[in-house]
Amino acid sequence: MDVLYFAWVRERIGIPREKVETSAATVADLVAELRTREERYEVAFSDLSALRVAVDQELTDFDASLDGAREVAFFPPMTGG
């Protein structure tokens, strides 16, 4: 699946997107897998309360299923103004 990173998440990980082979059942499982890759992922995902996630361009929670998902995006909360 494609994993996309936006704003400071992209800056900490160092890439805007990547293809990931995963057996993760949920977004939280995917995050757990990514955090074990390298320190830069551990840093980016150290505080999940500071992150939002979308699965196939639908805003969702970290307990969302990845069954059939093609894309997961991580980004900071959006603010209006």
N, C-alpha and C. Protein backbone atom coordinates (compact mmCIF):
# COMPACT_ATOMS: atom_id res chain seq x y z
N MET A 1 0.84 -1.17 0.00
CA MET A 1 0.00 0.00 0.00
C MET A 1 0.88 1.23 0.00
N ASP A 2 0.31 2.35 -0.42
CA ASP A 2 1.02 3.62 -0.39
C ASP A 2 0.83 4.25 0.98
N VAL A 3 1.92 4.74 1.56
CA VAL A 3 1.86 5.48 2.81
C VAL A 3 2.39 6.88 2.53
N LEU A 4 1.58 7.88 2.86
CA LEU A 4 1.91 9.27 2.58
C LEU A 4 2.14 10.01 3.89
N TYR A 5 3.10 10.92 3.86
CA TYR A 5 3.44 11.72 5.03
C TYR A 5 3.37 13.20 4.65
N PHE A 6 2.72 14.00 5.51
CA PHE A 6 2.54 15.42 5.22
C PHE A 6 3.10 16.28 6.35
N ALA A 7 3.48 17.51 5.98
CA ALA A 7 3.95 18.54 6.92
C ALA A 7 5.13 18.04 7.75
N TRP A 8 5.09 18.24 9.08
CA TRP A 8 6.24 17.87 9.91
C TRP A 8 6.46 16.37 9.97
N VAL A 9 5.44 15.58 9.67
CA VAL A 9 5.63 14.12 9.63
C VAL A 9 6.60 13.79 8.49
N ARG A 10 6.37 14.38 7.34
CA ARG A 10 7.26 14.20 6.18
C ARG A 10 8.67 14.69 6.50
N GLU A 11 8.76 15.81 7.18
CA GLU A 11 10.08 16.36 7.52
C GLU A 11 10.85 15.41 8.44
N ARG A 12 10.18 14.83 9.41
CA ARG A 12 10.86 13.93 10.35
C ARG A 12 11.25 12.61 9.71
N ILE A 13 10.39 12.10 8.83
CA ILE A 13 10.70 10.82 8.19
C ILE A 13 11.64 11.02 7.00
N GLY A 14 11.52 12.16 6.34
CA GLY A 14 12.46 12.48 5.26
C GLY A 14 12.00 12.13 3.87
N ILE A 15 10.79 11.61 3.73
CA ILE A 15 10.24 11.28 2.41
C ILE A 15 8.74 11.61 2.42
N PRO A 16 8.18 11.94 1.25
CA PRO A 16 6.76 12.27 1.21
C PRO A 16 5.84 11.04 1.10
N ARG A 17 6.36 9.94 0.57
CA ARG A 17 5.53 8.74 0.39
C ARG A 17 6.42 7.53 0.19
N GLU A 18 5.84 6.38 0.44
CA GLU A 18 6.55 5.13 0.16
C GLU A 18 5.54 4.00 0.01
N LYS A 19 5.99 2.96 -0.68
CA LYS A 19 5.20 1.72 -0.79
C LYS A 19 5.60 0.83 0.38
N VAL A 20 4.61 0.29 1.08
CA VAL A 20 4.87 -0.53 2.25
C VAL A 20 4.16 -1.87 2.10
N GLU A 21 4.90 -2.93 2.27
CA GLU A 21 4.32 -4.28 2.34
C GLU A 21 4.05 -4.54 3.81
N THR A 22 2.80 -4.80 4.15
CA THR A 22 2.46 -4.97 5.55
C THR A 22 1.38 -6.03 5.74
N SER A 23 1.40 -6.63 6.89
CA SER A 23 0.33 -7.56 7.28
C SER A 23 -0.51 -6.93 8.39
N ALA A 24 -0.35 -5.63 8.61
CA ALA A 24 -1.06 -4.92 9.66
C ALA A 24 -2.57 -4.98 9.43
N ALA A 25 -3.31 -5.24 10.49
CA ALA A 25 -4.77 -5.30 10.40
C ALA A 25 -5.41 -3.92 10.59
N THR A 26 -4.74 -3.06 11.37
CA THR A 26 -5.27 -1.73 11.64
C THR A 26 -4.19 -0.67 11.42
N VAL A 27 -4.61 0.58 11.43
CA VAL A 27 -3.65 1.68 11.31
C VAL A 27 -2.66 1.62 12.47
N ALA A 28 -3.15 1.35 13.67
CA ALA A 28 -2.26 1.27 14.84
C ALA A 28 -1.21 0.18 14.65
N ASP A 29 -1.59 -0.94 14.06
CA ASP A 29 -0.64 -2.01 13.78
C ASP A 29 0.42 -1.55 12.78
N LEU A 30 -0.02 -0.81 11.77
CA LEU A 30 0.92 -0.27 10.78
C LEU A 30 1.90 0.68 11.44
N VAL A 31 1.40 1.56 12.30
CA VAL A 31 2.28 2.49 13.01
C VAL A 31 3.29 1.72 13.84
N ALA A 32 2.85 0.67 14.52
CA ALA A 32 3.77 -0.14 15.32
C ALA A 32 4.87 -0.74 14.46
N GLU A 33 4.51 -1.22 13.26
CA GLU A 33 5.52 -1.77 12.33
C GLU A 33 6.49 -0.68 11.89
N LEU A 34 5.96 0.48 11.51
CA LEU A 34 6.80 1.56 11.02
C LEU A 34 7.77 2.04 12.10
N ARG A 35 7.30 2.11 13.34
CA ARG A 35 8.14 2.60 14.44
C ARG A 35 9.37 1.72 14.66
N THR A 36 9.31 0.46 14.27
CA THR A 36 10.45 -0.44 14.47
C THR A 36 11.48 -0.32 13.35
N ARG A 37 11.17 0.39 12.29
CA ARG A 37 12.07 0.49 11.14
C ARG A 37 13.36 1.22 11.46
N GLU A 38 13.22 2.46 11.88
CA GLU A 38 14.37 3.33 12.13
C GLU A 38 13.97 4.37 13.16
N GLU A 39 14.95 5.04 13.73
CA GLU A 39 14.67 6.05 14.74
C GLU A 39 13.80 7.19 14.20
N ARG A 40 13.97 7.55 12.94
CA ARG A 40 13.19 8.66 12.38
C ARG A 40 11.69 8.36 12.40
N TYR A 41 11.31 7.09 12.22
CA TYR A 41 9.90 6.70 12.31
C TYR A 41 9.44 6.74 13.77
N GLU A 42 10.28 6.27 14.68
CA GLU A 42 9.97 6.30 16.11
C GLU A 42 9.70 7.74 16.54
N VAL A 43 10.51 8.67 16.09
CA VAL A 43 10.34 10.08 16.43
C VAL A 43 9.04 10.62 15.83
N ALA A 44 8.79 10.34 14.58
CA ALA A 44 7.59 10.86 13.91
C ALA A 44 6.30 10.35 14.54
N PHE A 45 6.32 9.10 15.02
CA PHE A 45 5.11 8.50 15.57
C PHE A 45 5.13 8.41 17.09
N SER A 46 5.96 9.21 17.75
CA SER A 46 6.10 9.12 19.20
C SER A 46 4.87 9.64 19.95
N ASP A 47 4.10 10.55 19.36
CA ASP A 47 2.92 11.11 20.00
C ASP A 47 1.74 11.06 19.04
N LEU A 48 0.98 9.98 19.09
CA LEU A 48 -0.12 9.81 18.15
C LEU A 48 -1.23 10.83 18.36
N SER A 49 -1.31 11.43 19.54
CA SER A 49 -2.33 12.45 19.76
C SER A 49 -2.07 13.70 18.91
N ALA A 50 -0.85 13.82 18.39
CA ALA A 50 -0.48 14.96 17.54
C ALA A 50 -0.63 14.64 16.06
N LEU A 51 -1.23 13.48 15.76
CA LEU A 51 -1.37 13.04 14.37
C LEU A 51 -2.82 12.75 14.02
N ARG A 52 -3.12 12.90 12.75
CA ARG A 52 -4.39 12.46 12.19
C ARG A 52 -4.05 11.47 11.08
N VAL A 53 -5.04 10.66 10.72
CA VAL A 53 -4.81 9.64 9.71
C VAL A 53 -6.02 9.56 8.79
N ALA A 54 -5.73 9.26 7.52
CA ALA A 54 -6.79 9.01 6.54
C ALA A 54 -6.46 7.70 5.84
N VAL A 55 -7.48 6.88 5.64
CA VAL A 55 -7.34 5.63 4.90
C VAL A 55 -8.15 5.79 3.63
N ASP A 56 -7.50 5.62 2.50
CA ASP A 56 -8.14 5.83 1.19
C ASP A 56 -8.89 7.16 1.15
N GLN A 57 -8.23 8.21 1.65
CA GLN A 57 -8.69 9.59 1.63
C GLN A 57 -9.92 9.85 2.49
N GLU A 58 -10.18 8.97 3.46
CA GLU A 58 -11.26 9.16 4.43
C GLU A 58 -10.64 9.33 5.80
N LEU A 59 -10.90 10.45 6.46
CA LEU A 59 -10.40 10.68 7.81
C LEU A 59 -10.93 9.59 8.74
N THR A 60 -10.05 9.02 9.54
CA THR A 60 -10.44 7.90 10.40
C THR A 60 -9.61 7.89 11.67
N ASP A 61 -9.78 6.84 12.47
CA ASP A 61 -9.03 6.68 13.72
C ASP A 61 -7.94 5.63 13.54
N PHE A 62 -7.05 5.57 14.53
CA PHE A 62 -5.94 4.63 14.47
C PHE A 62 -6.38 3.17 14.62
N ASP A 63 -7.61 2.95 15.09
CA ASP A 63 -8.11 1.57 15.20
C ASP A 63 -8.82 1.12 13.92
N ALA A 64 -8.79 1.94 12.87
CA ALA A 64 -9.46 1.61 11.61
C ALA A 64 -8.81 0.41 10.93
N SER A 65 -9.62 -0.39 10.31
CA SER A 65 -9.15 -1.56 9.58
C SER A 65 -8.40 -1.15 8.30
N LEU A 66 -7.40 -1.93 7.97
CA LEU A 66 -6.68 -1.72 6.70
C LEU A 66 -7.07 -2.75 5.65
N ASP A 67 -8.09 -3.54 5.93
CA ASP A 67 -8.54 -4.57 4.99
C ASP A 67 -8.95 -3.91 3.67
N GLY A 68 -8.22 -4.21 2.62
CA GLY A 68 -8.49 -3.68 1.29
C GLY A 68 -7.99 -2.26 1.06
N ALA A 69 -7.36 -1.66 2.03
CA ALA A 69 -6.88 -0.28 1.89
C ALA A 69 -5.74 -0.20 0.87
N ARG A 70 -5.75 0.88 0.10
CA ARG A 70 -4.69 1.12 -0.88
C ARG A 70 -3.75 2.25 -0.45
N GLU A 71 -4.25 3.13 0.45
CA GLU A 71 -3.47 4.30 0.82
C GLU A 71 -3.75 4.69 2.27
N VAL A 72 -2.69 5.04 2.98
CA VAL A 72 -2.80 5.59 4.33
C VAL A 72 -1.98 6.87 4.36
N ALA A 73 -2.57 7.93 4.91
CA ALA A 73 -1.89 9.21 4.99
C ALA A 73 -1.83 9.68 6.44
N PHE A 74 -0.67 10.19 6.83
CA PHE A 74 -0.46 10.72 8.18
C PHE A 74 -0.16 12.20 8.08
N PHE A 75 -0.79 13.01 8.95
CA PHE A 75 -0.62 14.45 8.91
C PHE A 75 -0.99 15.04 10.26
N PRO A 76 -0.50 16.26 10.54
CA PRO A 76 -0.88 16.92 11.78
C PRO A 76 -2.32 17.42 11.70
N PRO A 77 -2.93 17.71 12.85
CA PRO A 77 -4.30 18.26 12.83
C PRO A 77 -4.35 19.52 12.02
N MET A 78 -5.46 19.71 11.33
CA MET A 78 -5.64 20.90 10.52
C MET A 78 -6.31 21.97 11.38
N THR A 79 -5.94 23.21 11.14
CA THR A 79 -6.56 24.31 11.84
C THR A 79 -7.18 25.27 10.84
N GLY A 80 -8.22 25.90 11.24
CA GLY A 80 -8.88 26.89 10.38
C GLY A 80 -8.42 28.28 10.74
N GLY A 81 -8.79 29.20 9.93
CA GLY A 81 -8.39 30.57 10.27
C GLY A 81 -8.82 31.56 9.26
